[in-house]
């Protein structure tokens, strides 16, 4: 899966979870600052990432995922 395909899949998850148009999702979008996501939102998003990509994401790794770009790079590195 290419980074573009990963981004598209993540953008769709974010659009549904945070009620944001997909075309507003960028690599620089910060979950806490731009989406006002709290810790529960982040945990639920990480669980969705795990389901969507079949990846195991530790709590330590999840703490490092602050932006959409971070999520894309994380998933791409673990394929």
N, C-alpha and C. Protein backbone atom coordinates (compact mmCIF):
# COMPACT_ATOMS: atom_id res chain seq x y z
N UNK A 1 0.84 -1.17 0.00
CA UNK A 1 0.00 0.00 0.00
C UNK A 1 0.90 1.25 0.00
N UNK A 2 0.61 2.19 -0.86
CA UNK A 2 1.42 3.40 -0.93
C UNK A 2 1.02 4.37 0.18
N UNK A 3 1.88 5.38 0.42
CA UNK A 3 1.55 6.38 1.43
C UNK A 3 0.28 7.14 1.04
N UNK A 4 0.07 7.33 -0.26
CA UNK A 4 -1.14 8.02 -0.72
C UNK A 4 -2.39 7.21 -0.38
N UNK A 5 -2.30 5.89 -0.58
CA UNK A 5 -3.44 5.01 -0.26
C UNK A 5 -3.68 4.98 1.25
N UNK A 6 -2.61 4.94 2.02
CA UNK A 6 -2.73 4.96 3.48
C UNK A 6 -3.37 6.27 3.91
N UNK A 7 -2.89 7.39 3.35
CA UNK A 7 -3.46 8.70 3.69
C UNK A 7 -4.95 8.74 3.39
N UNK A 8 -5.34 8.24 2.22
CA UNK A 8 -6.76 8.27 1.83
C UNK A 8 -7.62 7.48 2.83
N UNK A 9 -7.11 6.33 3.26
CA UNK A 9 -7.85 5.50 4.20
C UNK A 9 -7.95 6.19 5.57
N UNK A 10 -6.85 6.80 6.00
CA UNK A 10 -6.85 7.51 7.28
C UNK A 10 -7.76 8.74 7.20
N UNK A 11 -7.72 9.45 6.08
CA UNK A 11 -8.57 10.64 5.90
C UNK A 11 -10.04 10.26 6.02
N UNK A 12 -10.40 9.11 5.47
CA UNK A 12 -11.79 8.65 5.54
C UNK A 12 -12.18 8.36 6.99
N UNK A 13 -11.29 7.71 7.73
CA UNK A 13 -11.55 7.42 9.15
C UNK A 13 -11.72 8.73 9.93
N UNK A 14 -10.84 9.68 9.70
CA UNK A 14 -10.91 10.97 10.40
C UNK A 14 -12.19 11.71 10.04
N UNK A 15 -12.53 11.71 8.76
CA UNK A 15 -13.73 12.41 8.31
C UNK A 15 -14.97 11.86 9.02
N UNK A 16 -15.04 10.54 9.15
CA UNK A 16 -16.19 9.92 9.81
C UNK A 16 -16.17 10.15 11.32
N UNK A 17 -15.01 9.98 11.94
CA UNK A 17 -14.90 10.08 13.40
C UNK A 17 -15.06 11.51 13.89
N UNK A 18 -14.47 12.47 13.17
CA UNK A 18 -14.46 13.85 13.65
C UNK A 18 -15.39 14.78 12.86
N UNK A 19 -16.22 14.18 12.00
CA UNK A 19 -17.19 14.94 11.20
C UNK A 19 -16.53 16.12 10.49
N UNK A 20 -15.51 15.78 9.72
CA UNK A 20 -14.73 16.77 8.98
C UNK A 20 -14.71 16.34 7.51
N UNK A 21 -14.92 17.26 6.58
CA UNK A 21 -14.84 16.87 5.16
C UNK A 21 -13.46 16.30 4.83
N UNK A 22 -13.43 15.20 4.07
CA UNK A 22 -12.17 14.56 3.74
C UNK A 22 -11.18 15.51 3.09
N UNK A 23 -11.68 16.47 2.29
CA UNK A 23 -10.77 17.38 1.61
C UNK A 23 -10.11 18.40 2.56
N UNK A 24 -10.54 18.42 3.81
CA UNK A 24 -9.93 19.29 4.82
C UNK A 24 -8.84 18.57 5.61
N UNK A 25 -8.69 17.27 5.39
CA UNK A 25 -7.68 16.48 6.08
C UNK A 25 -6.35 16.64 5.35
N UNK A 26 -5.31 17.08 6.10
CA UNK A 26 -3.98 17.23 5.54
C UNK A 26 -2.98 16.48 6.42
N UNK A 27 -1.77 16.29 5.92
CA UNK A 27 -0.74 15.63 6.72
C UNK A 27 -0.39 16.42 7.97
N UNK A 28 -0.57 17.74 7.94
CA UNK A 28 -0.21 18.59 9.07
C UNK A 28 -1.31 18.69 10.12
N UNK A 29 -2.47 18.13 9.85
CA UNK A 29 -3.60 18.21 10.77
C UNK A 29 -3.22 17.55 12.09
N UNK A 30 -3.31 18.31 13.18
CA UNK A 30 -2.95 17.82 14.50
C UNK A 30 -4.23 17.40 15.23
N UNK A 31 -4.23 16.20 15.78
CA UNK A 31 -5.43 15.65 16.40
C UNK A 31 -5.90 16.50 17.58
N UNK A 32 -4.98 16.89 18.45
CA UNK A 32 -5.38 17.65 19.64
C UNK A 32 -5.61 19.11 19.31
N UNK A 33 -4.71 19.74 18.59
CA UNK A 33 -4.82 21.18 18.34
C UNK A 33 -5.89 21.53 17.31
N UNK A 34 -5.95 20.77 16.22
CA UNK A 34 -6.87 21.12 15.14
C UNK A 34 -8.25 20.47 15.27
N UNK A 35 -8.28 19.29 15.86
CA UNK A 35 -9.56 18.57 15.97
C UNK A 35 -10.11 18.57 17.40
N UNK A 36 -9.36 19.17 18.31
CA UNK A 36 -9.76 19.19 19.73
C UNK A 36 -10.06 17.78 20.26
N UNK A 37 -9.27 16.82 19.80
CA UNK A 37 -9.46 15.44 20.23
C UNK A 37 -8.94 15.26 21.65
N UNK A 38 -9.75 14.61 22.48
CA UNK A 38 -9.29 14.31 23.83
C UNK A 38 -8.66 12.91 23.84
N UNK A 39 -8.22 12.47 25.00
CA UNK A 39 -7.52 11.18 25.07
C UNK A 39 -8.41 10.02 24.63
N UNK A 40 -9.69 10.08 24.92
CA UNK A 40 -10.61 9.01 24.50
C UNK A 40 -10.74 9.00 22.98
N UNK A 41 -10.85 10.18 22.37
CA UNK A 41 -10.91 10.27 20.91
C UNK A 41 -9.66 9.65 20.28
N UNK A 42 -8.51 9.93 20.87
CA UNK A 42 -7.24 9.42 20.34
C UNK A 42 -7.20 7.90 20.45
N UNK A 43 -7.59 7.37 21.60
CA UNK A 43 -7.60 5.91 21.79
C UNK A 43 -8.53 5.24 20.78
N UNK A 44 -9.71 5.80 20.60
CA UNK A 44 -10.66 5.22 19.65
C UNK A 44 -10.12 5.30 18.23
N UNK A 45 -9.47 6.40 17.88
CA UNK A 45 -8.87 6.54 16.56
C UNK A 45 -7.77 5.50 16.35
N UNK A 46 -6.92 5.32 17.35
CA UNK A 46 -5.84 4.32 17.26
C UNK A 46 -6.42 2.92 17.08
N UNK A 47 -7.49 2.61 17.80
CA UNK A 47 -8.15 1.31 17.64
C UNK A 47 -8.67 1.13 16.22
N UNK A 48 -9.23 2.20 15.65
CA UNK A 48 -9.71 2.13 14.27
C UNK A 48 -8.55 1.92 13.30
N UNK A 49 -7.42 2.58 13.56
CA UNK A 49 -6.23 2.37 12.72
C UNK A 49 -5.79 0.91 12.78
N UNK A 50 -5.77 0.35 13.99
CA UNK A 50 -5.37 -1.05 14.15
C UNK A 50 -6.29 -1.96 13.34
N UNK A 51 -7.59 -1.72 13.41
CA UNK A 51 -8.55 -2.54 12.66
C UNK A 51 -8.39 -2.35 11.16
N UNK A 52 -8.25 -1.11 10.73
CA UNK A 52 -8.20 -0.80 9.30
C UNK A 52 -6.95 -1.33 8.63
N UNK A 53 -5.83 -1.34 9.37
CA UNK A 53 -4.55 -1.71 8.76
C UNK A 53 -3.97 -3.01 9.31
N UNK A 54 -4.66 -3.64 10.27
CA UNK A 54 -4.16 -4.88 10.84
C UNK A 54 -2.83 -4.68 11.55
N UNK A 55 -2.65 -3.50 12.13
CA UNK A 55 -1.39 -3.17 12.80
C UNK A 55 -1.60 -3.14 14.30
N UNK A 56 -0.58 -3.51 15.03
CA UNK A 56 -0.60 -3.41 16.49
C UNK A 56 0.11 -2.11 16.84
N UNK A 57 -0.56 -1.24 17.59
CA UNK A 57 0.00 0.05 17.95
C UNK A 57 0.09 0.12 19.47
N UNK A 58 1.32 0.15 19.99
CA UNK A 58 1.50 0.20 21.44
C UNK A 58 1.12 1.59 21.96
N UNK A 59 0.91 1.67 23.26
CA UNK A 59 0.58 2.96 23.87
C UNK A 59 1.70 3.98 23.63
N UNK A 60 2.96 3.50 23.72
CA UNK A 60 4.11 4.39 23.50
C UNK A 60 4.11 4.92 22.07
N UNK A 61 3.82 4.05 21.10
CA UNK A 61 3.76 4.48 19.71
C UNK A 61 2.59 5.44 19.49
N UNK A 62 1.47 5.14 20.10
CA UNK A 62 0.28 5.99 19.93
C UNK A 62 0.55 7.40 20.42
N UNK A 63 1.33 7.53 21.49
CA UNK A 63 1.66 8.85 22.03
C UNK A 63 2.49 9.68 21.04
N UNK A 64 3.19 9.02 20.13
CA UNK A 64 4.03 9.71 19.15
C UNK A 64 3.24 10.15 17.92
N UNK A 65 2.01 9.71 17.79
CA UNK A 65 1.18 10.04 16.62
C UNK A 65 0.37 11.28 16.96
N UNK A 66 0.87 12.44 16.53
CA UNK A 66 0.20 13.71 16.83
C UNK A 66 -0.53 14.28 15.63
N UNK A 67 -0.04 13.93 14.42
CA UNK A 67 -0.62 14.47 13.20
C UNK A 67 -1.03 13.33 12.26
N UNK A 68 -1.77 13.69 11.24
CA UNK A 68 -2.13 12.70 10.20
C UNK A 68 -0.87 12.15 9.55
N UNK A 69 0.08 13.03 9.27
CA UNK A 69 1.35 12.60 8.67
C UNK A 69 2.08 11.58 9.53
N UNK A 70 2.05 11.78 10.86
CA UNK A 70 2.66 10.82 11.77
C UNK A 70 1.99 9.45 11.65
N UNK A 71 0.67 9.45 11.55
CA UNK A 71 -0.08 8.20 11.43
C UNK A 71 0.26 7.50 10.11
N UNK A 72 0.34 8.26 9.03
CA UNK A 72 0.67 7.69 7.72
C UNK A 72 2.06 7.06 7.76
N UNK A 73 3.03 7.78 8.29
CA UNK A 73 4.41 7.27 8.37
C UNK A 73 4.49 6.03 9.24
N UNK A 74 3.77 6.03 10.36
CA UNK A 74 3.77 4.88 11.25
C UNK A 74 3.25 3.63 10.54
N UNK A 75 2.11 3.77 9.89
CA UNK A 75 1.51 2.63 9.18
C UNK A 75 2.39 2.18 8.04
N UNK A 76 2.93 3.12 7.26
CA UNK A 76 3.78 2.78 6.11
C UNK A 76 5.03 2.02 6.55
N UNK A 77 5.59 2.39 7.70
CA UNK A 77 6.80 1.74 8.19
C UNK A 77 6.55 0.32 8.71
N UNK A 78 5.30 -0.01 8.97
CA UNK A 78 5.00 -1.31 9.57
C UNK A 78 4.24 -2.25 8.65
N UNK A 79 4.29 -2.00 7.38
CA UNK A 79 3.61 -2.89 6.42
C UNK A 79 4.50 -4.06 6.08
